[in-house]
Amino acid sequence: MSITLVFFLIVGIFFIIVIESVRRGILETKYSILWIITCIFLGILSLSENLLEFLADFAGIAYAPSLLFLFGLLCTLIMIFDLTRRISSLSNKMIVLTQEYALLKEEHRKELAQMKKETQKKEEE
């Protein structure tokens, strides 16, 4: 069994896992698009040996199947960067949300104290 066929089987299994995760609601569709594109791209490359050989020759790579791993690595780096960008955005939103929560909590505490004072004044009268 050639390495490209093994690679295609691995990519195929991963593609099914991604699709099943979307179907079950584990993975949102908008986040799965990059994974699906990567799987399709790597699947096409692993099945098309002529295309793989052409790209490997063009890039100066002696062993064409290693180009599959290079593309896989590059796609992984893109995904890591995308996830890092999303985490940074969520972190900033979390900071803002925490600050707003603290301000609202303090405002609520002051309102409760004010209401308590008003209630005590009414009881004293």
Protein backbone atom coordinates (compact mmCIF):
# COMPACT_ATOMS: atom_id res chain seq x y z
CA MET A 1 0.00 0.00 0.00
CA SER A 2 1.53 3.31 -1.07
CA ILE A 3 2.00 6.22 1.30
CA THR A 4 -0.34 8.39 -0.75
CA LEU A 5 -3.15 5.86 -0.36
CA VAL A 6 -2.55 5.63 3.38
CA PHE A 7 -2.55 9.43 3.54
CA PHE A 8 -5.82 9.55 1.58
CA LEU A 9 -7.42 7.08 4.00
CA ILE A 10 -6.33 9.17 6.98
CA VAL A 11 -7.64 12.35 5.35
CA GLY A 12 -10.89 10.57 4.46
CA ILE A 13 -11.42 9.40 8.03
CA PHE A 14 -10.69 12.88 9.32
CA PHE A 15 -13.13 14.37 6.78
CA ILE A 16 -15.85 12.03 8.04
CA ILE A 17 -15.07 13.02 11.64
CA VAL A 18 -15.37 16.73 10.76
CA ILE A 19 -18.66 16.24 8.91
CA GLU A 20 -20.06 14.10 11.73
CA SER A 21 -19.00 16.69 14.31
CA VAL A 22 -20.86 19.38 12.38
CA ARG A 23 -23.91 17.16 12.04
CA ARG A 24 -24.01 16.46 15.77
CA GLY A 25 -23.50 20.11 16.66
CA ILE A 26 -20.10 19.58 18.26
CA LEU A 27 -18.38 21.78 15.69
CA GLU A 28 -19.97 24.90 14.21
CA THR A 29 -20.25 25.08 10.44
CA LYS A 30 -18.30 28.33 10.19
CA TYR A 31 -15.32 26.74 11.96
CA SER A 32 -15.47 23.52 9.98
CA ILE A 33 -15.06 25.16 6.57
CA LEU A 34 -11.28 25.46 6.89
CA TRP A 35 -11.02 21.81 7.97
CA ILE A 36 -13.23 20.64 5.10
CA ILE A 37 -11.25 22.63 2.52
CA THR A 38 -8.00 21.21 3.90
CA CYS A 39 -9.31 17.65 3.74
CA ILE A 40 -10.55 18.05 0.17
CA PHE A 41 -7.30 19.69 -0.94
CA LEU A 42 -5.12 17.01 0.66
CA GLY A 43 -7.42 14.25 -0.59
CA ILE A 44 -7.17 15.47 -4.18
CA LEU A 45 -3.39 15.75 -3.91
CA SER A 46 -3.03 12.29 -2.43
CA LEU A 47 -5.15 10.66 -5.18
CA SER A 48 -3.67 12.59 -8.11
CA GLU A 49 -0.12 11.30 -8.32
CA ASN A 50 0.56 13.21 -11.54
CA LEU A 51 -0.44 16.51 -9.91
CA LEU A 52 1.56 15.63 -6.82
CA GLU A 53 4.63 14.78 -8.93
CA PHE A 54 4.26 17.99 -10.94
CA LEU A 55 4.00 20.14 -7.81
CA ALA A 56 6.90 18.31 -6.17
CA ASP A 57 9.10 18.83 -9.25
CA PHE A 58 8.03 22.46 -9.42
CA ALA A 59 8.95 22.96 -5.76
CA GLY A 60 12.18 21.00 -6.11
CA ILE A 61 11.12 18.22 -3.74
CA ALA A 62 12.66 14.84 -4.58
CA TYR A 63 10.11 12.62 -2.81
CA ALA A 64 6.61 13.69 -3.90
CA PRO A 65 4.63 12.23 -0.95
CA SER A 66 6.60 14.47 1.41
CA LEU A 67 4.83 17.37 -0.33
CA LEU A 68 1.58 16.07 1.20
CA PHE A 69 3.05 16.40 4.66
CA LEU A 70 4.38 19.86 3.82
CA PHE A 71 0.91 20.98 2.72
CA GLY A 72 -0.57 19.37 5.82
CA LEU A 73 1.90 21.26 7.99
CA LEU A 74 1.18 24.54 6.22
CA CYS A 75 -2.58 24.03 6.60
CA THR A 76 -2.07 23.24 10.27
CA LEU A 77 -0.09 26.46 10.74
CA ILE A 78 -2.88 28.42 9.06
CA MET A 79 -5.43 26.80 11.35
CA ILE A 80 -3.33 27.49 14.44
CA PHE A 81 -3.02 31.15 13.44
CA ASP A 82 -6.77 31.36 12.84
CA LEU A 83 -7.52 29.81 16.24
CA THR A 84 -5.01 32.12 17.94
CA ARG A 85 -6.70 35.12 16.32
CA ARG A 86 -10.10 33.91 17.52
CA ILE A 87 -8.80 33.29 21.05
CA SER A 88 -7.33 36.80 21.17
CA SER A 89 -10.64 38.27 20.09
CA LEU A 90 -12.54 36.24 22.69
CA SER A 91 -10.02 37.23 25.37
CA ASN A 92 -10.57 40.91 24.63
CA LYS A 93 -14.34 40.43 24.72
CA MET A 94 -14.01 38.59 28.04
CA ILE A 95 -12.05 41.48 29.56
CA VAL A 96 -14.70 43.98 28.46
CA LEU A 97 -17.49 41.73 29.72
CA THR A 98 -15.80 41.28 33.09
CA GLN A 99 -15.33 45.01 33.49
CA GLU A 100 -18.96 45.71 32.56
CA TYR A 101 -20.11 43.03 35.00
CA ALA A 102 -18.06 44.58 37.80
CA LEU A 103 -19.52 48.01 37.08
CA LEU A 104 -23.08 46.66 37.00
CA LYS A 105 -22.50 44.71 40.19
CA GLU A 106 -21.24 47.83 41.95
CA GLU A 107 -24.20 49.86 40.64
CA HIS A 108 -26.59 47.16 41.83
CA ARG A 109 -24.94 47.12 45.27
CA LYS A 110 -25.35 50.89 45.55
CA GLU A 111 -29.00 50.69 44.52
CA LEU A 112 -29.67 48.00 47.13
CA ALA A 113 -27.98 50.10 49.79
CA GLN A 114 -30.05 53.12 48.76
CA MET A 115 -33.27 51.08 48.85
CA LYS A 116 -32.32 49.71 52.27
CA LYS A 117 -31.77 53.23 53.60
CA GLU A 118 -35.13 54.37 52.19
CA THR A 119 -36.88 51.39 53.75
CA GLN A 120 -35.28 52.10 57.13
CA LYS A 121 -36.36 55.77 56.97
CA LYS A 122 -39.94 54.75 56.19
CA GLU A 123 -39.95 52.29 59.08
CA GLU A 124 -38.65 54.94 61.49
CA GLU A 125 -41.46 57.33 60.53
